[in-house]
C-alpha atoms as a PDB file:
ATOM      1  CA  UNK A   1      28.601  -3.019 -17.243  1.00  0.00           C
ATOM      2  CA  UNK A   2      26.865  -3.681 -13.560  1.00  0.00           C
ATOM      3  CA  UNK A   3      27.579  -6.959 -12.131  1.00  0.00           C
ATOM      4  CA  UNK A   4      23.734  -6.941 -11.570  1.00  0.00           C
ATOM      5  CA  UNK A   5      23.400  -7.334 -15.464  1.00  0.00           C
ATOM      6  CA  UNK A   6      23.558 -11.273 -15.665  1.00  0.00           C
ATOM      7  CA  UNK A   7      20.508 -11.767 -13.301  1.00  0.00           C
ATOM      8  CA  UNK A   8      18.208  -9.388 -15.030  1.00  0.00           C
ATOM      9  CA  UNK A   9      18.597 -11.771 -17.852  1.00  0.00           C
ATOM     10  CA  UNK A  10      17.637 -14.940 -15.942  1.00  0.00           C
ATOM     11  CA  UNK A  11      14.397 -16.934 -15.980  1.00  0.00           C
ATOM     12  CA  UNK A  12      14.386 -16.479 -12.288  1.00  0.00           C
ATOM     13  CA  UNK A  13      16.196 -14.426  -9.607  1.00  0.00           C
ATOM     14  CA  UNK A  14      17.106 -16.622  -7.159  1.00  0.00           C
ATOM     15  CA  UNK A  15      17.787 -15.071  -3.729  1.00  0.00           C
ATOM     16  CA  UNK A  16      19.189 -17.039  -0.908  1.00  0.00           C
ATOM     17  CA  UNK A  17      20.072 -16.722   2.724  1.00  0.00           C
ATOM     18  CA  UNK A  18      23.931 -15.796   3.223  1.00  0.00           C
ATOM     19  CA  UNK A  19      24.636 -17.463   6.523  1.00  0.00           C
ATOM     20  CA  UNK A  20      23.433 -21.109   5.493  1.00  0.00           C
ATOM     21  CA  UNK A  21      23.608 -24.630   7.137  1.00  0.00           C
ATOM     22  CA  UNK A  22      24.683 -27.743   5.234  1.00  0.00           C
ATOM     23  CA  UNK A  23      21.493 -28.038   3.196  1.00  0.00           C
ATOM     24  CA  UNK A  24      21.277 -24.019   1.939  1.00  0.00           C
ATOM     25  CA  UNK A  25      24.871 -24.274   1.342  1.00  0.00           C
ATOM     26  CA  UNK A  26      24.516 -27.002  -1.001  1.00  0.00           C
ATOM     27  CA  UNK A  27      21.886 -24.876  -2.773  1.00  0.00           C
ATOM     28  CA  UNK A  28      23.630 -21.875  -2.951  1.00  0.00           C
ATOM     29  CA  UNK A  29      26.520 -23.925  -4.627  1.00  0.00           C
ATOM     30  CA  UNK A  30      24.294 -25.431  -6.885  1.00  0.00           C
ATOM     31  CA  UNK A  31      23.071 -22.244  -8.202  1.00  0.00           C
ATOM     32  CA  UNK A  32      24.780 -20.784 -11.048  1.00  0.00           C
ATOM     33  CA  UNK A  33      23.312 -17.455 -10.567  1.00  0.00           C
ATOM     34  CA  UNK A  34      22.317 -16.483  -6.666  1.00  0.00           C
ATOM     35  CA  UNK A  35      22.560 -13.370  -4.768  1.00  0.00           C
ATOM     36  CA  UNK A  36      22.964 -13.634  -1.191  1.00  0.00           C
ATOM     37  CA  UNK A  37      21.061 -11.625   1.437  1.00  0.00           C
ATOM     38  CA  UNK A  38      21.197 -11.720   5.534  1.00  0.00           C
ATOM     39  CA  UNK A  39      17.804  -9.817   5.800  1.00  0.00           C
ATOM     40  CA  UNK A  40      15.678  -6.821   4.660  1.00  0.00           C
ATOM     41  CA  UNK A  41      18.189  -4.326   4.399  1.00  0.00           C
ATOM     42  CA  UNK A  42      20.087  -6.490   1.835  1.00  0.00           C
ATOM     43  CA  UNK A  43      16.975  -7.078  -0.065  1.00  0.00           C
ATOM     44  CA  UNK A  44      16.668  -3.250  -0.358  1.00  0.00           C
ATOM     45  CA  UNK A  45      20.023  -2.660  -1.702  1.00  0.00           C
ATOM     46  CA  UNK A  46      19.900  -5.760  -4.136  1.00  0.00           C
ATOM     47  CA  UNK A  47      16.801  -4.214  -5.924  1.00  0.00           C
ATOM     48  CA  UNK A  48      18.400  -0.927  -5.677  1.00  0.00           C
ATOM     49  CA  UNK A  49      21.281  -2.757  -7.660  1.00  0.00           C
ATOM     50  CA  UNK A  50      18.741  -4.726 -10.300  1.00  0.00           C
ATOM     51  CA  UNK A  51      16.706  -1.675 -10.981  1.00  0.00           C
ATOM     52  CA  UNK A  52      20.320   0.410 -11.798  1.00  0.00           C
ATOM     53  CA  UNK A  53      21.369  -2.559 -14.097  1.00  0.00           C
ATOM     54  CA  UNK A  54      18.065  -2.496 -16.210  1.00  0.00           C
ATOM     55  CA  UNK A  55      18.252   1.409 -16.249  1.00  0.00           C
ATOM     56  CA  UNK A  56      21.810   0.960 -17.081  1.00  0.00           C
ATOM     57  CA  UNK A  57      21.262  -1.753 -20.098  1.00  0.00           C
ATOM     58  CA  UNK A  58      18.100   0.070 -21.531  1.00  0.00           C
ATOM     59  CA  UNK A  59      16.352  -3.300 -21.801  1.00  0.00           C
ATOM     60  CA  UNK A  60      13.134  -4.691 -21.349  1.00  0.00           C
ATOM     61  CA  UNK A  61      14.030  -7.525 -19.110  1.00  0.00           C
ATOM     62  CA  UNK A  62      12.452 -10.823 -19.892  1.00  0.00           C
ATOM     63  CA  UNK A  63       9.653 -12.398 -17.679  1.00  0.00           C
ATOM     64  CA  UNK A  64      10.855 -14.185 -14.430  1.00  0.00           C
ATOM     65  CA  UNK A  65       9.987 -15.248 -11.092  1.00  0.00           C
ATOM     66  CA  UNK A  66      11.614 -14.104  -7.853  1.00  0.00           C
ATOM     67  CA  UNK A  67      12.886 -17.007  -5.764  1.00  0.00           C
ATOM     68  CA  UNK A  68      13.256 -16.173  -2.238  1.00  0.00           C
ATOM     69  CA  UNK A  69      14.966 -19.358  -0.718  1.00  0.00           C
ATOM     70  CA  UNK A  70      15.387 -20.295   2.984  1.00  0.00           C
ATOM     71  CA  UNK A  71      14.322 -22.322   5.603  1.00  0.00           C
ATOM     72  CA  UNK A  72      10.874 -22.034   7.219  1.00  0.00           C
ATOM     73  CA  UNK A  73      10.132 -21.446  10.963  1.00  0.00           C
ATOM     74  CA  UNK A  74       9.231 -24.263  13.005  1.00  0.00           C
ATOM     75  CA  UNK A  75       5.837 -24.121  13.514  1.00  0.00           C
ATOM     76  CA  UNK A  76       4.611 -21.413  11.423  1.00  0.00           C
ATOM     77  CA  UNK A  77       6.439 -22.354   8.346  1.00  0.00           C
ATOM     78  CA  UNK A  78       6.945 -18.846   7.574  1.00  0.00           C
ATOM     79  CA  UNK A  79      10.006 -18.052   5.394  1.00  0.00           C
ATOM     80  CA  UNK A  80      12.987 -16.871   6.983  1.00  0.00           C
ATOM     81  CA  UNK A  81      15.854 -15.156   5.141  1.00  0.00           C
ATOM     82  CA  UNK A  82      18.595 -14.032   7.545  1.00  0.00           C
ATOM     83  CA  UNK A  83      17.297 -12.489  10.348  1.00  0.00           C
ATOM     84  CA  UNK A  84      14.154 -11.486   8.652  1.00  0.00           C
ATOM     85  CA  UNK A  85      10.866 -13.486   8.839  1.00  0.00           C
ATOM     86  CA  UNK A  86       8.355 -12.965   6.249  1.00  0.00           C
ATOM     87  CA  UNK A  87       4.970 -12.745   8.068  1.00  0.00           C
ATOM     88  CA  UNK A  88       2.314 -10.728   6.520  1.00  0.00           C
ATOM     89  CA  UNK A  89       1.064 -10.151   9.753  1.00  0.00           C
ATOM     90  CA  UNK A  90       3.871  -8.084  10.652  1.00  0.00           C
ATOM     91  CA  UNK A  91       3.288  -4.224   9.165  1.00  0.00           C
ATOM     92  CA  UNK A  92       7.213  -3.902   8.436  1.00  0.00           C
ATOM     93  CA  UNK A  93       6.969  -6.692   6.248  1.00  0.00           C
ATOM     94  CA  UNK A  94       3.622  -5.674   4.613  1.00  0.00           C
ATOM     95  CA  UNK A  95       4.996  -1.999   4.295  1.00  0.00           C
ATOM     96  CA  UNK A  96       8.225  -3.207   2.666  1.00  0.00           C
ATOM     97  CA  UNK A  97       6.454  -5.202  -0.226  1.00  0.00           C
ATOM     98  CA  UNK A  98       3.907  -2.125  -0.494  1.00  0.00           C
ATOM     99  CA  UNK A  99       6.864  -0.018  -1.084  1.00  0.00           C
ATOM    100  CA  UNK A 100       8.047  -2.742  -3.768  1.00  0.00           C
ATOM    101  CA  UNK A 101       4.569  -2.456  -5.183  1.00  0.00           C
ATOM    102  CA  UNK A 102       4.004   1.512  -4.983  1.00  0.00           C
ATOM    103  CA  UNK A 103       7.323   1.731  -7.081  1.00  0.00           C
ATOM    104  CA  UNK A 104       6.804  -1.196  -9.706  1.00  0.00           C
ATOM    105  CA  UNK A 105      10.262  -2.274  -8.759  1.00  0.00           C
ATOM    106  CA  UNK A 106       9.282  -6.092  -9.600  1.00  0.00           C
ATOM    107  CA  UNK A 107       7.516  -5.351 -12.885  1.00  0.00           C
ATOM    108  CA  UNK A 108      10.392  -3.113 -13.834  1.00  0.00           C
ATOM    109  CA  UNK A 109      12.527  -6.113 -13.368  1.00  0.00           C
ATOM    110  CA  UNK A 110      10.429  -8.485 -15.430  1.00  0.00           C
ATOM    111  CA  UNK A 111       8.932 -10.310 -12.106  1.00  0.00           C
ATOM    112  CA  UNK A 112       5.479 -11.591 -12.737  1.00  0.00           C
ATOM    113  CA  UNK A 113       5.876 -13.842  -9.702  1.00  0.00           C
ATOM    114  CA  UNK A 114       6.773 -14.353  -6.536  1.00  0.00           C
ATOM    115  CA  UNK A 115       8.019 -17.868  -4.933  1.00  0.00           C
ATOM    116  CA  UNK A 116       8.751 -18.437  -1.131  1.00  0.00           C
ATOM    117  CA  UNK A 117      10.880 -21.698  -1.409  1.00  0.00           C
ATOM    118  CA  UNK A 118      11.280 -23.121   2.290  1.00  0.00           C
ATOM    119  CA  UNK A 119       9.546 -26.274   3.666  1.00  0.00           C
ATOM    120  CA  UNK A 120       5.677 -26.106   3.854  1.00  0.00           C
ATOM    121  CA  UNK A 121       5.569 -22.410   3.121  1.00  0.00           C
ATOM    122  CA  UNK A 122       1.785 -23.125   2.062  1.00  0.00           C
ATOM    123  CA  UNK A 123       0.628 -25.417   4.862  1.00  0.00           C
ATOM    124  CA  UNK A 124      -0.154 -23.319   8.026  1.00  0.00           C
ATOM    125  CA  UNK A 125      -2.624 -20.626   8.431  1.00  0.00           C
ATOM    126  CA  UNK A 126       0.271 -17.996   8.807  1.00  0.00           C
ATOM    127  CA  UNK A 127       1.630 -19.083   5.775  1.00  0.00           C
ATOM    128  CA  UNK A 128      -1.444 -19.104   3.813  1.00  0.00           C
ATOM    129  CA  UNK A 129      -2.104 -15.716   5.208  1.00  0.00           C
ATOM    130  CA  UNK A 130       1.061 -14.591   3.876  1.00  0.00           C
ATOM    131  CA  UNK A 131       0.834 -15.796   0.702  1.00  0.00           C
ATOM    132  CA  UNK A 132      -2.727 -14.221  -0.273  1.00  0.00           C
ATOM    133  CA  UNK A 133      -1.424 -10.781   1.621  1.00  0.00           C
ATOM    134  CA  UNK A 134       1.549 -10.565  -0.530  1.00  0.00           C
ATOM    135  CA  UNK A 135      -0.322 -11.401  -3.619  1.00  0.00           C
ATOM    136  CA  UNK A 136      -2.874  -8.621  -2.615  1.00  0.00           C
ATOM    137  CA  UNK A 137      -0.218  -6.211  -2.100  1.00  0.00           C
ATOM    138  CA  UNK A 138       1.967  -6.664  -4.938  1.00  0.00           C
ATOM    139  CA  UNK A 139      -0.814  -7.458  -7.527  1.00  0.00           C
ATOM    140  CA  UNK A 140       0.903 -10.901  -8.614  1.00  0.00           C
ATOM    141  CA  UNK A 141       0.827 -14.546  -8.366  1.00  0.00           C
ATOM    142  CA  UNK A 142       2.652 -15.785  -5.235  1.00  0.00           C
ATOM    143  CA  UNK A 143       3.900 -19.355  -4.569  1.00  0.00           C
ATOM    144  CA  UNK A 144       4.511 -21.402  -1.614  1.00  0.00           C
ATOM    145  CA  UNK A 145       5.368 -25.096  -0.874  1.00  0.00           C
ATOM    146  CA  UNK A 146       3.172 -28.016   0.149  1.00  0.00           C
ATOM    147  CA  UNK A 147       6.076 -30.064   1.275  1.00  0.00           C
ATOM    148  CA  UNK A 148       9.842 -29.858   2.409  1.00  0.00           C
ATOM    149  CA  UNK A 149      12.338 -28.872   0.175  1.00  0.00           C
ATOM    150  CA  UNK A 150      15.862 -29.745  -0.059  1.00  0.00           C
ATOM    151  CA  UNK A 151      18.816 -29.323  -2.555  1.00  0.00           C
ATOM    152  CA  UNK A 152      17.862 -32.177  -4.835  1.00  0.00           C
ATOM    153  CA  UNK A 153      14.859 -29.767  -5.901  1.00  0.00           C
ATOM    154  CA  UNK A 154      17.432 -27.391  -7.686  1.00  0.00           C
ATOM    155  CA  UNK A 155      19.206 -27.292 -10.734  1.00  0.00           C
ATOM    156  CA  UNK A 156      22.084 -25.075 -11.687  1.00  0.00           C
ATOM    157  CA  UNK A 157      19.210 -22.785 -13.017  1.00  0.00           C
ATOM    158  CA  UNK A 158      17.111 -22.647 -10.099  1.00  0.00           C
ATOM    159  CA  UNK A 159      14.182 -24.160  -8.680  1.00  0.00           C
ATOM    160  CA  UNK A 160      13.483 -27.553 -10.651  1.00  0.00           C
ATOM    161  CA  UNK A 161      10.568 -27.489 -12.982  1.00  0.00           C
ATOM    162  CA  UNK A 162       9.820 -31.205 -12.608  1.00  0.00           C
ATOM    163  CA  UNK A 163       8.965 -30.639  -8.674  1.00  0.00           C
ATOM    164  CA  UNK A 164       6.459 -27.727  -9.796  1.00  0.00           C
ATOM    165  CA  UNK A 165       3.972 -30.169  -8.107  1.00  0.00           C
ATOM    166  CA  UNK A 166       5.091 -29.052  -4.746  1.00  0.00           C
ATOM    167  CA  UNK A 167       4.185 -25.175  -5.396  1.00  0.00           C
ATOM    168  CA  UNK A 168       0.746 -23.871  -4.261  1.00  0.00           C
ATOM    169  CA  UNK A 169      -0.299 -20.679  -5.914  1.00  0.00           C
ATOM    170  CA  UNK A 170      -2.033 -17.830  -4.259  1.00  0.00           C
ATOM    171  CA  UNK A 171      -4.923 -18.359  -6.570  1.00  0.00           C
ATOM    172  CA  UNK A 172      -5.227 -22.007  -5.384  1.00  0.00           C
ATOM    173  CA  UNK A 173      -5.346 -21.031  -1.833  1.00  0.00           C
ATOM    174  CA  UNK A 174      -8.155 -18.256  -2.528  1.00  0.00           C
ATOM    175  CA  UNK A 175     -10.350 -20.554  -4.446  1.00  0.00           C
ATOM    176  CA  UNK A 176     -10.087 -23.177  -1.541  1.00  0.00           C
ATOM    177  CA  UNK A 177     -10.975 -20.447   0.896  1.00  0.00           C
ATOM    178  CA  UNK A 178     -14.271 -19.277  -1.134  1.00  0.00           C
ATOM    179  CA  UNK A 179     -15.126 -23.044  -1.624  1.00  0.00           C
ATOM    180  CA  UNK A 180     -15.011 -23.170   2.409  1.00  0.00           C
ATOM    181  CA  UNK A 181     -16.960 -20.362   2.711  1.00  0.00           C
ATOM    182  CA  UNK A 182     -19.710 -21.418   0.148  1.00  0.00           C
ATOM    183  CA  UNK A 183     -19.689 -18.135  -1.746  1.00  0.00           C
ATOM    184  CA  UNK A 184     -17.198 -15.399  -2.514  1.00  0.00           C
ATOM    185  CA  UNK A 185     -20.234 -12.812  -1.268  1.00  0.00           C
ATOM    186  CA  UNK A 186     -20.603 -12.597   2.503  1.00  0.00           C
ATOM    187  CA  UNK A 187     -23.879 -13.251   4.041  1.00  0.00           C
ATOM    188  CA  UNK A 188     -25.992 -10.614   4.888  1.00  0.00           C
ATOM    189  CA  UNK A 189     -25.969  -9.546   8.443  1.00  0.00           C
ATOM    190  CA  UNK A 190     -29.130  -7.851  10.014  1.00  0.00           C
ATOM    191  CA  UNK A 191     -27.647  -5.529  12.100  1.00  0.00           C
ATOM    192  CA  UNK A 192     -25.455  -2.374  11.689  1.00  0.00           C
ATOM    193  CA  UNK A 193     -22.148  -1.818  13.389  1.00  0.00           C
ATOM    194  CA  UNK A 194     -22.851  -0.314  16.838  1.00  0.00           C
ATOM    195  CA  UNK A 195     -19.639  -0.352  19.041  1.00  0.00           C
ATOM    196  CA  UNK A 196     -22.326  -0.352  22.396  1.00  0.00           C
ATOM    197  CA  UNK A 197     -23.509  -3.894  21.174  1.00  0.00           C
ATOM    198  CA  UNK A 198     -20.052  -4.859  21.147  1.00  0.00           C
ATOM    199  CA  UNK A 199     -18.361  -7.157  24.289  1.00  0.00           C
ATOM    200  CA  UNK A 200     -16.403  -4.212  26.452  1.00  0.00           C
ATOM    201  CA  UNK A 201     -13.579  -5.992  27.841  1.00  0.00           C
ATOM    202  CA  UNK A 202      -9.969  -4.980  29.555  1.00  0.00           C
ATOM    203  CA  UNK A 203      -6.781  -5.739  28.154  1.00  0.00           C
ATOM    204  CA  UNK A 204      -5.428  -8.567  30.044  1.00  0.00           C
ATOM    205  CA  UNK A 205      -2.804 -10.323  27.995  1.00  0.00           C
ATOM    206  CA  UNK A 206      -0.868  -9.765  24.555  1.00  0.00           C
ATOM    207  CA  UNK A 207      -2.111 -10.190  21.368  1.00  0.00           C
ATOM    208  CA  UNK A 208      -0.811 -11.982  18.521  1.00  0.00           C
ATOM    209  CA  UNK A 209      -0.669  -9.218  16.169  1.00  0.00           C
ATOM    210  CA  UNK A 210      -0.422  -5.401  17.017  1.00  0.00           C
ATOM    211  CA  UNK A 211      -2.801  -3.738  18.920  1.00  0.00           C
ATOM    212  CA  UNK A 212      -3.318  -0.003  19.093  1.00  0.00           C
ATOM    213  CA  UNK A 213      -5.217   2.527  21.430  1.00  0.00           C
ATOM    214  CA  UNK A 214      -7.816   4.181  20.261  1.00  0.00           C
ATOM    215  CA  UNK A 215      -9.097   7.662  21.706  1.00  0.00           C
ATOM    216  CA  UNK A 216     -12.410   8.891  21.005  1.00  0.00           C
ATOM    217  CA  UNK A 217     -11.562  11.278  18.289  1.00  0.00           C
ATOM    218  CA  UNK A 218      -9.852   8.776  16.282  1.00  0.00           C
ATOM    219  CA  UNK A 219     -12.632   6.414  16.930  1.00  0.00           C
ATOM    220  CA  UNK A 220     -15.056   8.562  15.427  1.00  0.00           C
ATOM    221  CA  UNK A 221     -12.615   9.043  12.443  1.00  0.00           C
ATOM    222  CA  UNK A 222     -12.570   5.572  12.078  1.00  0.00           C
ATOM    223  CA  UNK A 223     -16.401   4.763  12.455  1.00  0.00           C
ATOM    224  CA  UNK A 224     -16.751   7.533   9.527  1.00  0.00           C
ATOM    225  CA  UNK A 225     -14.614   5.271   6.944  1.00  0.00           C
ATOM    226  CA  UNK A 226     -16.703   1.991   7.924  1.00  0.00           C
ATOM    227  CA  UNK A 227     -19.735   1.325   5.930  1.00  0.00           C
ATOM    228  CA  UNK A 228     -21.672   0.597   8.742  1.00  0.00           C
ATOM    229  CA  UNK A 229     -24.659  -1.145   7.126  1.00  0.00           C
ATOM    230  CA  UNK A 230     -22.651  -3.421   4.871  1.00  0.00           C
ATOM    231  CA  UNK A 231     -21.602  -6.149   7.504  1.00  0.00           C
ATOM    232  CA  UNK A 232     -21.056  -9.478   6.306  1.00  0.00           C
ATOM    233  CA  UNK A 233     -20.293 -13.301   7.802  1.00  0.00           C
ATOM    234  CA  UNK A 234     -17.502 -14.751   5.975  1.00  0.00           C
ATOM    235  CA  UNK A 235     -16.875 -18.196   8.043  1.00  0.00           C
ATOM    236  CA  UNK A 236     -14.496 -19.416   6.005  1.00  0.00           C
ATOM    237  CA  UNK A 237     -12.310 -16.300   5.714  1.00  0.00           C
ATOM    238  CA  UNK A 238      -8.544 -16.890   7.053  1.00  0.00           C
ATOM    239  CA  UNK A 239      -7.084 -13.784   6.640  1.00  0.00           C
ATOM    240  CA  UNK A 240      -5.298 -12.769   9.962  1.00  0.00           C
ATOM    241  CA  UNK A 241      -5.706  -8.751  10.964  1.00  0.00           C
ATOM    242  CA  UNK A 242      -2.772  -6.582  10.084  1.00  0.00           C
ATOM    243  CA  UNK A 243      -3.727  -5.253  13.667  1.00  0.00           C
ATOM    244  CA  UNK A 244      -6.195  -4.704  16.448  1.00  0.00           C
ATOM    245  CA  UNK A 245      -8.051  -1.742  17.452  1.00  0.00           C
ATOM    246  CA  UNK A 246      -8.944  -1.248  21.157  1.00  0.00           C
ATOM    247  CA  UNK A 247     -11.745   1.487  20.830  1.00  0.00           C
ATOM    248  CA  UNK A 248     -13.286   3.265  24.132  1.00  0.00           C
ATOM    249  CA  UNK A 249     -16.159   1.723  25.801  1.00  0.00           C
ATOM    250  CA  UNK A 250     -18.296   3.516  28.521  1.00  0.00           C
ATOM    251  CA  UNK A 251     -15.978   1.954  30.915  1.00  0.00           C
ATOM    252  CA  UNK A 252     -12.671   3.438  31.591  1.00  0.00           C
ATOM    253  CA  UNK A 253     -10.756  -0.116  32.074  1.00  0.00           C
ATOM    254  CA  UNK A 254     -12.672  -2.046  29.474  1.00  0.00           C
ATOM    255  CA  UNK A 255     -12.715  -1.721  25.500  1.00  0.00           C
ATOM    256  CA  UNK A 256     -14.363  -2.452  22.261  1.00  0.00           C
ATOM    257  CA  UNK A 257     -12.442  -4.854  20.050  1.00  0.00           C
ATOM    258  CA  UNK A 258     -12.070  -4.289  16.307  1.00  0.00           C
ATOM    259  CA  UNK A 259      -9.636  -5.840  13.576  1.00  0.00           C
ATOM    260  CA  UNK A 260      -8.234  -4.396  10.543  1.00  0.00           C
ATOM    261  CA  UNK A 261      -7.654  -6.488   7.610  1.00  0.00           C
ATOM    262  CA  UNK A 262      -7.182  -7.131   4.030  1.00  0.00           C
ATOM    263  CA  UNK A 263      -4.866  -4.028   3.482  1.00  0.00           C
ATOM    264  CA  UNK A 264      -7.758  -2.189   5.456  1.00  0.00           C
ATOM    265  CA  UNK A 265     -10.377  -2.837   3.217  1.00  0.00           C
ATOM    266  CA  UNK A 266     -12.496  -4.344   5.992  1.00  0.00           C
ATOM    267  CA  UNK A 267     -12.928  -4.315   9.696  1.00  0.00           C
ATOM    268  CA  UNK A 268     -14.093  -7.468  11.840  1.00  0.00           C
ATOM    269  CA  UNK A 269     -15.729  -7.421  15.042  1.00  0.00           C
ATOM    270  CA  UNK A 270     -17.191 -10.180  17.175  1.00  0.00           C
ATOM    271  CA  UNK A 271     -20.577  -9.236  18.431  1.00  0.00           C
ATOM    272  CA  UNK A 272     -21.037 -12.885  19.739  1.00  0.00           C
ATOM    273  CA  UNK A 273     -17.109 -14.541  20.804  1.00  0.00           C
ATOM    274  CA  UNK A 274     -19.051 -17.772  19.982  1.00  0.00           C
ATOM    275  CA  UNK A 275     -19.957 -16.844  16.200  1.00  0.00           C
ATOM    276  CA  UNK A 276     -17.868 -15.972  13.585  1.00  0.00           C
ATOM    277  CA  UNK A 277     -16.788 -12.474  13.175  1.00  0.00           C
ATOM    278  CA  UNK A 278     -18.597  -9.849  10.927  1.00  0.00           C
ATOM    279  CA  UNK A 279     -16.642  -8.059   8.182  1.00  0.00           C
ATOM    280  CA  UNK A 280     -17.781  -4.204   7.532  1.00  0.00           C
ATOM    281  CA  UNK A 281     -15.907  -2.850   4.029  1.00  0.00           C
ATOM    282  CA  UNK A 282     -14.076   0.386   4.659  1.00  0.00           C
ATOM    283  CA  UNK A 283     -14.777   3.236   2.201  1.00  0.00           C
ATOM    284  CA  UNK A 284     -11.293   4.785   2.228  1.00  0.00           C
ATOM    285  CA  UNK A 285      -8.596   2.087   3.287  1.00  0.00           C
ATOM    286  CA  UNK A 286      -6.016   4.719   2.699  1.00  0.00           C
ATOM    287  CA  UNK A 287      -7.293   6.958   5.244  1.00  0.00           C
ATOM    288  CA  UNK A 288      -8.119   4.461   7.602  1.00  0.00           C
ATOM    289  CA  UNK A 289      -4.328   3.469   7.242  1.00  0.00           C
ATOM    290  CA  UNK A 290      -3.052   6.846   7.983  1.00  0.00           C
ATOM    291  CA  UNK A 291      -5.072   7.059  11.460  1.00  0.00           C
ATOM    292  CA  UNK A 292      -3.842   3.703  12.527  1.00  0.00           C
ATOM    293  CA  UNK A 293      -0.486   4.237  11.653  1.00  0.00           C
ATOM    294  CA  UNK A 294      -0.734   7.585  14.379  1.00  0.00           C
ATOM    295  CA  UNK A 295      -2.269   5.013  16.872  1.00  0.00           C
ATOM    296  CA  UNK A 296       0.196   4.166  19.994  1.00  0.00           C
ATOM    297  CA  UNK A 297       0.612   0.565  21.056  1.00  0.00           C
ATOM    298  CA  UNK A 298      -2.301  -0.728  23.518  1.00  0.00           C
ATOM    299  CA  UNK A 299      -0.847  -1.172  26.981  1.00  0.00           C
ATOM    300  CA  UNK A 300      -1.546  -4.402  28.780  1.00  0.00           C
ATOM    301  CA  UNK A 301      -3.649  -4.026  32.158  1.00  0.00           C
END
């Protein structure tokens, strides 16, 4: 029987950074069942082994959580496993989790929730965005932490349920965002999306997220996918974009900028840089994604 068979019968699959400092080494030594990884490649191999173990055992795995355990990055509090930082602003990160969702990997293992167990992983804007984005991609609850975490928060079976008050769910975060916004529905925006009405600016600095250069033909295709008469303002929306589009303007050295966010379901623009962005729904998110994936990086002028 596969050596993975013991893991699929547990209440938690605990995945821990292999090369650990003293604190993570203590967590490793506490856990009876733990899987060690150095990054994304190891995770891919791990999931392949777990799925093979389920198929070999021919069982329905019991419900469980996937616990990803490591340190968080200073400043952003994003969880780091080996050399891999789990940041939903990175297309390679979202692509990894989207592939898990597309092939139903987690449900096949009995996993009903993912927990990012590092220090303060639900406390920063980047951390909150990552929890919400992964929840949307996977279609399940994703949890982070509201404080520091240490070895004494664990038992031999995994994260100690006595400390569950340190956990913050993606549902909690989403409800807080909606409360801040005052409504789940965006306020109506009185103007249809008009590229010429957006500021035209040069590319003078690097962006916090990937920036793509859009030619005129691609711009027309993108605009056909945007429901340009259904814009809305959501001042409390925390979602960071997956990328920013530099769309051509009447000036050869300037561009209109639009952000793609929430798994290509919306495009956000800023007609007035001093006001909240305006969101426009996308009629075919997959079609927009396929266009964006072909666009080259935007150079810095």
